[in-house]
Every structure is written in C-alpha cells, then in structure tokens.
C-alpha atoms as a PDB file:
ATOM      1  CA  MET A   1     106.814  81.822  76.748  1.00  0.00           C
ATOM      2  CA  ASP A   2     110.436  80.805  77.321  1.00  0.00           C
ATOM      3  CA  LEU A   3     111.363  83.124  80.185  1.00  0.00           C
ATOM      4  CA  SER A   4     115.031  82.139  79.999  1.00  0.00           C
ATOM      5  CA  ASN A   5     115.705  83.446  76.522  1.00  0.00           C
ATOM      6  CA  ARG A   6     113.930  86.754  76.015  1.00  0.00           C
ATOM      7  CA  THR A   7     115.107  90.291  75.476  1.00  0.00           C
ATOM      8  CA  VAL A   8     112.650  92.362  77.481  1.00  0.00           C
ATOM      9  CA  PHE A   9     111.998  96.086  77.819  1.00  0.00           C
ATOM     10  CA  ILE A  10     109.701  97.014  80.717  1.00  0.00           C
ATOM     11  CA  VAL A  11     108.265 100.528  80.555  1.00  0.00           C
ATOM     12  CA  GLY A  12     107.240 101.629  84.033  1.00  0.00           C
ATOM     13  CA  GLY A  13     109.523  99.098  85.656  1.00  0.00           C
ATOM     14  CA  THR A  14     111.331 101.293  88.166  1.00  0.00           C
ATOM     15  CA  SER A  15     109.133 100.317  91.104  1.00  0.00           C
ATOM     16  CA  GLY A  16     106.520  97.884  92.329  1.00  0.00           C
ATOM     17  CA  ILE A  17     105.285  95.154  90.024  1.00  0.00           C
ATOM     18  CA  GLY A  18     107.406  96.276  87.080  1.00  0.00           C
ATOM     19  CA  ARG A  19     110.614  96.253  89.057  1.00  0.00           C
ATOM     20  CA  GLU A  20     109.871  92.806  90.473  1.00  0.00           C
ATOM     21  CA  LEU A  21     109.067  91.440  87.016  1.00  0.00           C
ATOM     22  CA  ALA A  22     112.343  92.857  85.712  1.00  0.00           C
ATOM     23  CA  ARG A  23     114.228  91.004  88.422  1.00  0.00           C
ATOM     24  CA  ARG A  24     112.280  87.793  87.783  1.00  0.00           C
ATOM     25  CA  PHE A  25     112.943  87.875  84.029  1.00  0.00           C
ATOM     26  CA  ALA A  26     116.627  88.541  84.698  1.00  0.00           C
ATOM     27  CA  ALA A  27     116.818  85.727  87.247  1.00  0.00           C
ATOM     28  CA  ALA A  28     115.249  83.366  84.697  1.00  0.00           C
ATOM     29  CA  GLY A  29     118.035  84.160  82.228  1.00  0.00           C
ATOM     30  CA  SER A  30     116.491  86.820  80.024  1.00  0.00           C
ATOM     31  CA  THR A  31     118.174  90.072  79.011  1.00  0.00           C
ATOM     32  CA  VAL A  32     116.225  92.867  80.672  1.00  0.00           C
ATOM     33  CA  ALA A  33     116.000  96.626  80.315  1.00  0.00           C
ATOM     34  CA  VAL A  34     113.742  99.012  82.191  1.00  0.00           C
ATOM     35  CA  GLY A  35     112.404 102.432  81.307  1.00  0.00           C
ATOM     36  CA  GLY A  36     111.120 105.053  83.702  1.00  0.00           C
ATOM     37  CA  ARG A  37     111.403 108.594  85.016  1.00  0.00           C
ATOM     38  CA  SER A  38     113.154 108.068  88.357  1.00  0.00           C
ATOM     39  CA  ALA A  39     116.890 108.580  87.918  1.00  0.00           C
ATOM     40  CA  THR A  40     117.545 107.137  91.369  1.00  0.00           C
ATOM     41  CA  ALA A  41     115.596 103.949  90.682  1.00  0.00           C
ATOM     42  CA  LEU A  42     117.203 103.570  87.257  1.00  0.00           C
ATOM     43  CA  ALA A  43     120.653 103.874  88.832  1.00  0.00           C
ATOM     44  CA  GLU A  44     119.794 101.183  91.382  1.00  0.00           C
ATOM     45  CA  LEU A  45     118.621  98.815  88.658  1.00  0.00           C
ATOM     46  CA  SER A  46     121.687  99.538  86.584  1.00  0.00           C
ATOM     47  CA  ASP A  47     123.813  98.445  89.533  1.00  0.00           C
ATOM     48  CA  GLU A  48     121.951  95.123  89.382  1.00  0.00           C
ATOM     49  CA  GLY A  49     122.987  94.636  85.759  1.00  0.00           C
ATOM     50  CA  ILE A  50     119.676  95.676  84.237  1.00  0.00           C
ATOM     51  CA  GLY A  51     119.706  98.063  81.286  1.00  0.00           C
ATOM     52  CA  THR A  52     118.088 101.403  82.023  1.00  0.00           C
ATOM     53  CA  PHE A  53     116.542 104.143  79.906  1.00  0.00           C
ATOM     54  CA  GLY A  54     114.826 107.391  80.797  1.00  0.00           C
ATOM     55  CA  ILE A  55     111.326 107.644  79.360  1.00  0.00           C
ATOM     56  CA  ASP A  56     108.243 109.780  79.951  1.00  0.00           C
ATOM     57  CA  VAL A  57     105.218 108.117  78.367  1.00  0.00           C
ATOM     58  CA  THR A  58     103.279 111.394  78.368  1.00  0.00           C
ATOM     59  CA  ASP A  59     105.837 112.840  75.919  1.00  0.00           C
ATOM     60  CA  GLY A  60     105.885 111.365  72.426  1.00  0.00           C
ATOM     61  CA  ALA A  61     109.387 112.651  71.724  1.00  0.00           C
ATOM     62  CA  SER A  62     110.683 111.005  74.906  1.00  0.00           C
ATOM     63  CA  VAL A  63     109.126 107.689  73.881  1.00  0.00           C
ATOM     64  CA  ALA A  64     110.700 107.906  70.423  1.00  0.00           C
ATOM     65  CA  ARG A  65     114.128 108.681  71.871  1.00  0.00           C
ATOM     66  CA  ALA A  66     113.869 105.769  74.292  1.00  0.00           C
ATOM     67  CA  ARG A  67     112.795 103.414  71.507  1.00  0.00           C
ATOM     68  CA  ASP A  68     115.755 104.388  69.355  1.00  0.00           C
ATOM     69  CA  ALA A  69     118.180 103.977  72.255  1.00  0.00           C
ATOM     70  CA  VAL A  70     116.714 100.608  73.274  1.00  0.00           C
ATOM     71  CA  LEU A  71     116.809  99.172  69.757  1.00  0.00           C
ATOM     72  CA  LEU A  72     120.352 100.427  69.214  1.00  0.00           C
ATOM     73  CA  ARG A  73     121.519  98.605  72.331  1.00  0.00           C
ATOM     74  CA  TYR A  74     119.159  95.616  72.068  1.00  0.00           C
ATOM     75  CA  PRO A  75     118.445  94.954  68.369  1.00  0.00           C
ATOM     76  CA  GLU A  76     117.091  91.513  69.290  1.00  0.00           C
ATOM     77  CA  LEU A  77     114.355  92.978  71.501  1.00  0.00           C
ATOM     78  CA  ASP A  78     111.381  90.611  71.386  1.00  0.00           C
ATOM     79  CA  THR A  79     109.242  91.496  74.412  1.00  0.00           C
ATOM     80  CA  VAL A  80     107.834  94.887  75.387  1.00  0.00           C
ATOM     81  CA  VAL A  81     106.009  95.230  78.696  1.00  0.00           C
ATOM     82  CA  THR A  82     104.078  98.471  78.953  1.00  0.00           C
ATOM     83  CA  MET A  83     102.782  99.293  82.407  1.00  0.00           C
ATOM     84  CA  PRO A  84     102.695 103.041  83.000  1.00  0.00           C
ATOM     85  CA  GLY A  85     100.219 103.711  85.753  1.00  0.00           C
ATOM     86  CA  VAL A  86      99.013 106.363  88.151  1.00  0.00           C
ATOM     87  CA  MET A  87      96.266 105.739  90.714  1.00  0.00           C
ATOM     88  CA  LEU A  88      94.543 108.930  91.825  1.00  0.00           C
ATOM     89  CA  LEU A  89      91.526 109.491  94.037  1.00  0.00           C
ATOM     90  CA  GLU A  90      88.781 111.613  92.464  1.00  0.00           C
ATOM     91  CA  ASP A  91      85.601 113.127  93.858  1.00  0.00           C
ATOM     92  CA  LEU A  92      83.353 113.433  90.816  1.00  0.00           C
ATOM     93  CA  ARG A  93      81.173 115.954  92.666  1.00  0.00           C
ATOM     94  CA  ASP A  94      84.105 118.382  92.497  1.00  0.00           C
ATOM     95  CA  PRO A  95      84.954 119.642  88.979  1.00  0.00           C
ATOM     96  CA  ALA A  96      88.558 120.055  90.145  1.00  0.00           C
ATOM     97  CA  HIS A  97      88.943 116.288  89.696  1.00  0.00           C
ATOM     98  CA  PHE A  98      89.356 116.817  85.946  1.00  0.00           C
ATOM     99  CA  GLU A  99      93.093 117.425  86.183  1.00  0.00           C
ATOM    100  CA  ALA A 100      93.560 114.050  87.866  1.00  0.00           C
ATOM    101  CA  ALA A 101      91.373 112.413  85.230  1.00  0.00           C
ATOM    102  CA  GLN A 102      93.361 113.950  82.407  1.00  0.00           C
ATOM    103  CA  THR A 103      96.680 112.903  83.945  1.00  0.00           C
ATOM    104  CA  THR A 104      95.404 109.373  84.445  1.00  0.00           C
ATOM    105  CA  ILE A 105      94.196 108.946  80.868  1.00  0.00           C
ATOM    106  CA  ASP A 106      97.336 110.471  79.347  1.00  0.00           C
ATOM    107  CA  THR A 107      99.581 108.220  81.411  1.00  0.00           C
ATOM    108  CA  ASN A 108      97.718 104.933  81.646  1.00  0.00           C
ATOM    109  CA  LEU A 109      95.946 104.785  78.298  1.00  0.00           C
ATOM    110  CA  VAL A 110      97.619 107.181  75.887  1.00  0.00           C
ATOM    111  CA  GLY A 111     101.033 106.347  77.356  1.00  0.00           C
ATOM    112  CA  THR A 112     100.405 102.668  76.666  1.00  0.00           C
ATOM    113  CA  ILE A 113      99.369 103.460  73.087  1.00  0.00           C
ATOM    114  CA  ARG A 114     102.499 105.575  72.565  1.00  0.00           C
ATOM    115  CA  VAL A 115     104.741 102.732  73.690  1.00  0.00           C
ATOM    116  CA  VAL A 116     102.931 100.118  71.615  1.00  0.00           C
ATOM    117  CA  ASP A 117     103.041 102.327  68.537  1.00  0.00           C
ATOM    118  CA  ALA A 118     106.750 102.966  69.020  1.00  0.00           C
ATOM    119  CA  PHE A 119     107.715  99.287  69.042  1.00  0.00           C
ATOM    120  CA  THR A 120     105.109  97.718  66.739  1.00  0.00           C
ATOM    121  CA  PRO A 121     107.117  98.207  63.516  1.00  0.00           C
ATOM    122  CA  HIS A 122     110.182  96.554  65.058  1.00  0.00           C
ATOM    123  CA  LEU A 123     108.319  93.511  66.369  1.00  0.00           C
ATOM    124  CA  VAL A 124     106.300  93.074  63.177  1.00  0.00           C
ATOM    125  CA  GLN A 125     109.481  93.294  61.089  1.00  0.00           C
ATOM    126  CA  ARG A 126     111.047  90.593  63.283  1.00  0.00           C
ATOM    127  CA  GLY A 127     108.034  88.395  62.646  1.00  0.00           C
ATOM    128  CA  ALA A 128     108.025  87.292  66.288  1.00  0.00           C
ATOM    129  CA  GLY A 129     107.618  88.904  69.662  1.00  0.00           C
ATOM    130  CA  THR A 130     105.239  89.780  72.449  1.00  0.00           C
ATOM    131  CA  PHE A 131     103.568  92.850  73.857  1.00  0.00           C
ATOM    132  CA  ILE A 132     102.574  92.518  77.505  1.00  0.00           C
ATOM    133  CA  THR A 133     100.042  95.155  78.512  1.00  0.00           C
ATOM    134  CA  VAL A 134      99.126  95.661  82.149  1.00  0.00           C
ATOM    135  CA  THR A 135      95.598  96.383  83.278  1.00  0.00           C
ATOM    136  CA  SER A 136      94.055  95.651  86.683  1.00  0.00           C
ATOM    137  CA  GLY A 137      91.248  93.784  88.384  1.00  0.00           C
ATOM    138  CA  ILE A 138      89.730  97.262  88.676  1.00  0.00           C
ATOM    139  CA  ALA A 139      89.283  97.234  84.885  1.00  0.00           C
ATOM    140  CA  PHE A 140      86.573  94.616  85.401  1.00  0.00           C
ATOM    141  CA  LEU A 141      85.278  95.559  88.852  1.00  0.00           C
ATOM    142  CA  PRO A 142      85.488  99.337  89.372  1.00  0.00           C
ATOM    143  CA  PHE A 143      86.778 100.896  92.581  1.00  0.00           C
ATOM    144  CA  PRO A 144      84.548 103.994  92.802  1.00  0.00           C
ATOM    145  CA  PRO A 145      87.062 106.308  94.559  1.00  0.00           C
ATOM    146  CA  MET A 146      89.353 105.919  91.504  1.00  0.00           C
ATOM    147  CA  PRO A 147      86.935 106.253  88.597  1.00  0.00           C
ATOM    148  CA  THR A 148      89.310 107.323  85.854  1.00  0.00           C
ATOM    149  CA  TYR A 149      91.891 104.744  86.874  1.00  0.00           C
ATOM    150  CA  ALA A 150      89.213 102.085  86.399  1.00  0.00           C
ATOM    151  CA  ALA A 151      88.169 103.601  83.073  1.00  0.00           C
ATOM    152  CA  SER A 152      91.761 103.808  81.830  1.00  0.00           C
ATOM    153  CA  LYS A 153      92.481 100.186  82.657  1.00  0.00           C
ATOM    154  CA  ALA A 154      89.211  99.029  81.097  1.00  0.00           C
ATOM    155  CA  ALA A 155      90.264 100.937  77.987  1.00  0.00           C
ATOM    156  CA  VAL A 156      93.694  99.283  77.961  1.00  0.00           C
ATOM    157  CA  HIS A 157      91.928  95.910  78.166  1.00  0.00           C
ATOM    158  CA  ALA A 158      89.778  96.740  75.127  1.00  0.00           C
ATOM    159  CA  TYR A 159      92.808  98.118  73.292  1.00  0.00           C
ATOM    160  CA  SER A 160      94.780  94.963  74.033  1.00  0.00           C
ATOM    161  CA  GLU A 161      91.982  92.842  72.583  1.00  0.00           C
ATOM    162  CA  ALA A 162      91.928  94.918  69.396  1.00  0.00           C
ATOM    163  CA  LEU A 163      95.734  94.936  69.154  1.00  0.00           C
ATOM    164  CA  ARG A 164      95.813  91.146  69.434  1.00  0.00           C
ATOM    165  CA  ALA A 165      93.267  90.848  66.628  1.00  0.00           C
ATOM    166  CA  GLN A 166      95.096  93.285  64.368  1.00  0.00           C
ATOM    167  CA  LEU A 167      98.496  91.638  64.908  1.00  0.00           C
ATOM    168  CA  ASP A 168      97.140  88.156  64.276  1.00  0.00           C
ATOM    169  CA  GLY A 169      99.277  86.458  61.653  1.00  0.00           C
ATOM    170  CA  THR A 170     102.316  88.697  62.196  1.00  0.00           C
ATOM    171  CA  GLY A 171     103.974  86.456  64.779  1.00  0.00           C
ATOM    172  CA  VAL A 172     103.527  89.149  67.430  1.00  0.00           C
ATOM    173  CA  GLY A 173     101.397  88.142  70.400  1.00  0.00           C
ATOM    174  CA  VAL A 174      99.578  90.299  72.938  1.00  0.00           C
ATOM    175  CA  VAL A 175      99.351  89.189  76.559  1.00  0.00           C
ATOM    176  CA  GLU A 176      97.372  91.128  79.166  1.00  0.00           C
ATOM    177  CA  LEU A 177      98.608  91.003  82.752  1.00  0.00           C
ATOM    178  CA  VAL A 178      95.733  91.624  85.181  1.00  0.00           C
ATOM    179  CA  PRO A 179      96.988  92.250  88.739  1.00  0.00           C
ATOM    180  CA  PRO A 180      94.712  92.321  91.778  1.00  0.00           C
ATOM    181  CA  ALA A 181      95.568  94.634  94.663  1.00  0.00           C
ATOM    182  CA  VAL A 182      99.257  93.945  95.253  1.00  0.00           C
ATOM    183  CA  ALA A 183     101.170  95.004  98.357  1.00  0.00           C
ATOM    184  CA  THR A 184     103.305  97.660  96.730  1.00  0.00           C
ATOM    185  CA  ALA A 185     103.210 101.430  96.209  1.00  0.00           C
ATOM    186  CA  GLY A 186     101.401 101.874  99.502  1.00  0.00           C
ATOM    187  CA  GLN A 187      98.580  99.445  98.710  1.00  0.00           C
ATOM    188  CA  GLU A 188      99.458  97.413 101.766  1.00  0.00           C
ATOM    189  CA  LYS A 189      98.690 100.440 103.968  1.00  0.00           C
ATOM    190  CA  VAL A 190      95.113 100.864 102.747  1.00  0.00           C
ATOM    191  CA  ASN A 191      94.344  97.242 101.920  1.00  0.00           C
ATOM    192  CA  PRO A 192      95.593  94.628 104.355  1.00  0.00           C
ATOM    193  CA  GLN A 193      94.274  91.964 101.965  1.00  0.00           C
ATOM    194  CA  ALA A 194      96.646  93.046  99.183  1.00  0.00           C
ATOM    195  CA  LEU A 195      98.572  90.136  97.700  1.00  0.00           C
ATOM    196  CA  PRO A 196     102.276  90.115  98.669  1.00  0.00           C
ATOM    197  CA  LEU A 197     104.379  91.266  95.721  1.00  0.00           C
ATOM    198  CA  SER A 198     106.577  88.173  95.736  1.00  0.00           C
ATOM    199  CA  ASP A 199     103.555  85.861  95.678  1.00  0.00           C
ATOM    200  CA  PHE A 200     102.020  87.764  92.792  1.00  0.00           C
ATOM    201  CA  ALA A 201     105.230  87.717  90.758  1.00  0.00           C
ATOM    202  CA  THR A 202     105.776  84.004  91.325  1.00  0.00           C
ATOM    203  CA  GLU A 203     102.269  83.118  90.159  1.00  0.00           C
ATOM    204  CA  ALA A 204     102.375  85.540  87.225  1.00  0.00           C
ATOM    205  CA  MET A 205     105.698  84.186  85.954  1.00  0.00           C
ATOM    206  CA  GLN A 206     104.385  80.635  86.207  1.00  0.00           C
ATOM    207  CA  LEU A 207     101.387  81.595  84.073  1.00  0.00           C
ATOM    208  CA  LEU A 208     103.589  83.419  81.548  1.00  0.00           C
ATOM    209  CA  SER A 209     105.732  80.311  81.155  1.00  0.00           C
ATOM    210  CA  GLN A 210     102.770  78.138  80.141  1.00  0.00           C
ATOM    211  CA  ASN A 211     102.629  76.844  76.583  1.00  0.00           C
ATOM    212  CA  PRO A 212     100.700  78.362  75.007  1.00  0.00           C
ATOM    213  CA  THR A 213     100.885  81.558  77.028  1.00  0.00           C
ATOM    214  CA  PRO A 214      97.358  82.627  78.058  1.00  0.00           C
ATOM    215  CA  ASP A 215      95.967  85.790  76.468  1.00  0.00           C
ATOM    216  CA  GLU A 216      95.225  87.029  79.993  1.00  0.00           C
ATOM    217  CA  ILE A 217      97.471  86.413  82.993  1.00  0.00           C
ATOM    218  CA  LEU A 218      94.979  85.950  85.820  1.00  0.00           C
ATOM    219  CA  VAL A 219      96.349  85.037  89.216  1.00  0.00           C
ATOM    220  CA  GLU A 220      93.959  83.312  91.582  1.00  0.00           C
ATOM    221  CA  ARG A 221      93.294  86.458  93.629  1.00  0.00           C
ATOM    222  CA  VAL A 222      91.987  88.429  90.645  1.00  0.00           C
ATOM    223  CA  LEU A 223      89.452  85.892  89.387  1.00  0.00           C
ATOM    224  CA  THR A 224      86.597  87.310  91.486  1.00  0.00           C
ATOM    225  CA  HIS A 225      87.179  90.681  89.778  1.00  0.00           C
ATOM    226  CA  ARG A 226      87.589  89.333  86.256  1.00  0.00           C
ATOM    227  CA  TRP A 227      84.480  87.173  86.283  1.00  0.00           C
ATOM    228  CA  ALA A 228      82.169  89.178  88.574  1.00  0.00           C
ATOM    229  CA  GLU A 229      79.634  89.923  85.836  1.00  0.00           C
ATOM    230  CA  ARG A 230      79.640  86.330  84.589  1.00  0.00           C
ATOM    231  CA  ASP A 231      79.258  84.990  88.109  1.00  0.00           C
ATOM    232  CA  GLY A 232      76.433  87.350  89.067  1.00  0.00           C
ATOM    233  CA  THR A 233      78.397  88.976  91.893  1.00  0.00           C
ATOM    234  CA  TYR A 234      79.131  92.298  90.154  1.00  0.00           C
ATOM    235  CA  ASP A 235      76.413  94.506  91.670  1.00  0.00           C
ATOM    236  CA  ASP A 236      77.029  93.333  95.218  1.00  0.00           C
ATOM    237  CA  LEU A 237      80.785  93.733  94.915  1.00  0.00           C
ATOM    238  CA  VAL A 238      80.540  97.237  93.432  1.00  0.00           C
ATOM    239  CA  ALA A 239      78.176  98.236  96.245  1.00  0.00           C
ATOM    240  CA  LYS A 240      80.626  96.885  98.791  1.00  0.00           C
ATOM    241  CA  ARG A 241      83.534  98.696  97.160  1.00  0.00           C
ATOM    242  CA  SER A 242      81.499 101.904  97.066  1.00  0.00           C
ATOM    243  CA  GLN A 243      81.762 102.073 100.841  1.00  0.00           C
ATOM    244  CA  ALA A 244      85.322 103.256 100.260  1.00  0.00           C
ATOM    245  CA  LEU A 245      83.959 106.560  98.930  1.00  0.00           C
ATOM    246  CA  ALA A 246      84.074 107.659 102.573  1.00  0.00           C
ATOM    247  CA  MET A 247      87.845 107.955 102.166  1.00  0.00           C
ATOM    248  CA  LEU A 248      87.474 110.922  99.812  1.00  0.00           C
ATOM    249  CA  PRO A 249      88.344 114.211 101.570  1.00  0.00           C
ATOM    250  CA  GLY A 250      85.048 115.822 100.549  1.00  0.00           C
ATOM    251  CA  ARG A 251      83.041 112.960 102.071  1.00  0.00           C
ATOM    252  CA  GLN A 252      84.676 112.945 105.495  1.00  0.00           C
ATOM    253  CA  GLY A 253      83.381 114.500 108.693  1.00  0.00           C
END
C-alpha cells in the first residue's frame, strides 16, 4: 500500500489507535478524514488539517449521512478504515450484563457492517480500494472479563475473511489490523505490558506499506495471541488470563 497517496476515511478515529493512524497517514502524505461522535476531538483534528465528520455507527441514518458527506468532499476516497469499538467488563453470572453485550455487538460488529455496507458500492464502482477492518488479539485469545468484546472481534475477523472472498476480483482489498494491548484508552493503567501507542503505529504502518500488503497486520506483540491454538499454548494462556476475572465487581471481596 502506497501510504503517501491515499484518500482515507477512518471511522472511530477520534482517539487512541485511530487518531494515531490518522496522523500517520497524513504525515505520510495521504489525504485523511476521520469520523466519530466526539465534537471536541473532531474539532481538535480539524485544527490539524484533517477532515472531520460526525458519525454514530449504531445509527444507520447517521452512517448514510456521513457517507454522503464524505464522498461529496472526497470523491476519490479509496481507503476506509472501520474501527468502532467499546470494551466493557461483563459478569456472565449476572443477567444485567446483557445490556453491555448488546451495546458491544451493535457497536463493534454491526457498526462495522454498517460502515462497510455504506462504502462498498463506491469502492467497487472505482474498481480499486481497500477496507481496513480492526479486530484485536482478543479475537484469537479471549480475555474472559470481556466476553462479548472478544466475541465481537472474533466475528469481525470472520466477516473480514468473507468480505475479502466476496470482493475478490473487484479490485477492492480487505486488510485486517489486529492490535495487541496498546497503551491507550486507559489500557496502560491496567496492563503495564501494553505496547506504547507510537511503537504500535510505527510497526503497523511499516506492515501496511509492504508490497503486497498482508491480509492481516500482525505486529510482533500480537503473534502469541494470533497463533496460540496453532502453537499449543491456547489453553494455558486462557487459564492465565482467566485470573483477571477477580477484577469483576461481583468477584471481589
């Protein structure tokens, strides 16, 4: 992927990984726009010269409006990064967790599908372009305190695989970005081993720039997650990660 000559729209790019990727694409020479819900964050990015659009991926009408506005301003759009994501703790012994599960699925999975559906006709008509979906190492190695987050990201992985197969021959590629724990959005407070955001972005952009671009962008830190089943370490790692269930409010004391 030529990072210096893309027109990129990043949905969920107002903070964390998305915001850093927006800045990296812009620094490489690409035209970049970001979509999100935070008016304050969008204003800050606009001051940096990045295009900004309000979008709520849980609302189909909002996604359609954002698509129309983006394509009006950037008719040469060729790259759509979709990374809506919420990470919520859930105690599956408490039926009250269902609201968190529903929110997670509607944002992480259905939100991704809404965005992909909105821009597929444009990219297919162009005959060239790229979707970049964003999953997580947790898609391949669950973190038991966040069960629906893991399930949603595993689903986005499967969806990305199917999307790539269905778009084969159209000129539109599908790349899956698979972050490990990255020191952003408070991750650094609960996981001192979280990869610094700058280090992650540098490695991810290097992988994206490879020719051909890999189907999965796997930084070094996420390989133990991605290949745990293949390497025979899955059961032990899940058991180790299950110790974190003690952090759930209902399990304390």
